[in-house]
Amino acid sequence: MESYKILFKKSAAGELAKIPGKDLEKIVRCVRELEQNPRPSGCRKLSGKDRDRLRQGDYRIVYAVDDSRRIVEVYKIGNRREIYSG
């Protein structure tokens, strides 16, 4: 099966750069796994949006999947307390 391509919005890339090392490794691993399975167990559809969210510890990864183009676009990465505001 052909893998999905991961694209980061500029804001998500900036958020990723601010995450501490040990958490960063886990988040990067989690995002990389989306290449093979963009809807792993534990992912949840965000209400009112065509986006999914995946938990990694205290962090959340918000992304959208385009199956026709086989793209996963990461919109936000952040602490669970801050991710849904704004």
Protein backbone atom coordinates (compact mmCIF):
# COMPACT_ATOMS: atom_id res chain seq x y z
CA MET A 1 0.00 0.00 0.00
CA GLU A 2 1.32 3.43 -0.95
CA SER A 3 2.12 5.67 2.00
CA TYR A 4 0.71 9.12 2.66
CA LYS A 5 2.82 12.26 2.41
CA ILE A 6 3.02 14.39 5.57
CA LEU A 7 2.79 18.17 5.14
CA PHE A 8 3.13 20.68 7.96
CA LYS A 9 1.43 24.06 8.04
CA LYS A 10 3.96 26.76 8.89
CA SER A 11 2.32 27.29 12.29
CA ALA A 12 2.54 23.57 13.14
CA ALA A 13 6.23 23.49 12.22
CA GLY A 14 6.82 26.44 14.56
CA GLU A 15 4.91 24.74 17.36
CA LEU A 16 6.94 21.58 16.85
CA ALA A 17 10.18 23.52 17.30
CA LYS A 18 9.08 24.64 20.80
CA ILE A 19 8.43 21.13 22.18
CA PRO A 20 10.99 19.67 24.63
CA GLY A 21 13.26 16.87 23.37
CA LYS A 22 11.73 13.75 24.95
CA ASP A 23 8.20 14.77 23.96
CA LEU A 24 9.39 15.86 20.53
CA GLU A 25 10.74 12.38 19.75
CA LYS A 26 7.40 10.76 20.62
CA ILE A 27 5.42 13.31 18.60
CA VAL A 28 7.65 12.92 15.54
CA ARG A 29 7.30 9.13 15.76
CA CYS A 30 3.53 9.50 16.06
CA VAL A 31 3.34 11.81 13.01
CA ARG A 32 5.58 9.49 10.99
CA GLU A 33 3.23 6.59 11.70
CA LEU A 34 0.45 8.59 10.00
CA GLU A 35 2.29 7.95 6.70
CA GLN A 36 1.20 4.32 6.88
CA ASN A 37 -2.03 4.67 8.85
CA PRO A 38 -3.61 8.15 8.83
CA ARG A 39 -6.46 7.03 11.10
CA PRO A 40 -4.86 4.96 13.86
CA SER A 41 -6.80 3.74 16.87
CA GLY A 42 -7.21 6.60 19.29
CA CYS A 43 -7.66 9.27 16.64
CA ARG A 44 -10.84 11.31 16.98
CA LYS A 45 -12.78 13.42 14.50
CA LEU A 46 -13.07 17.03 15.64
CA SER A 47 -16.68 18.15 15.73
CA GLY A 48 -17.64 20.60 13.02
CA LYS A 49 -14.36 20.27 11.12
CA ASP A 50 -12.81 17.92 8.60
CA ARG A 51 -9.92 17.35 10.95
CA ASP A 52 -8.78 14.60 13.24
CA ARG A 53 -6.89 14.77 16.50
CA LEU A 54 -4.41 12.36 17.93
CA ARG A 55 -3.13 12.29 21.51
CA GLN A 56 0.50 11.87 22.42
CA GLY A 57 0.89 12.29 26.16
CA ASP A 58 -0.12 15.84 27.08
CA TYR A 59 0.12 16.93 23.45
CA ARG A 60 -2.42 16.91 20.65
CA ILE A 61 -1.79 16.67 16.92
CA VAL A 62 -4.56 18.17 14.76
CA TYR A 63 -4.50 17.11 11.14
CA ALA A 64 -6.58 16.51 8.01
CA VAL A 65 -6.43 13.54 5.66
CA ASP A 66 -6.88 13.84 1.89
CA ASP A 67 -7.32 10.24 0.72
CA SER A 68 -7.56 11.11 -2.97
CA ARG A 69 -4.13 12.81 -2.94
CA ARG A 70 -2.76 10.60 -0.12
CA ILE A 71 -1.75 13.58 2.00
CA VAL A 72 -1.86 14.15 5.75
CA GLU A 73 -1.71 17.86 6.54
CA VAL A 74 -0.71 18.73 10.12
CA TYR A 75 -2.39 21.95 11.29
CA LYS A 76 -1.52 22.23 14.97
CA ILE A 77 0.67 20.55 17.54
CA GLY A 78 0.47 21.65 21.13
CA ASN A 79 -0.28 21.02 24.75
CA ARG A 80 -3.81 19.80 25.37
CA ARG A 81 -4.60 22.88 27.50
CA GLU A 82 -3.82 25.25 24.61
CA ILE A 83 -4.53 23.36 21.40
CA TYR A 84 -8.24 24.04 20.97
CA SER A 85 -8.22 27.78 21.70
CA GLY A 86 -8.13 30.13 18.76
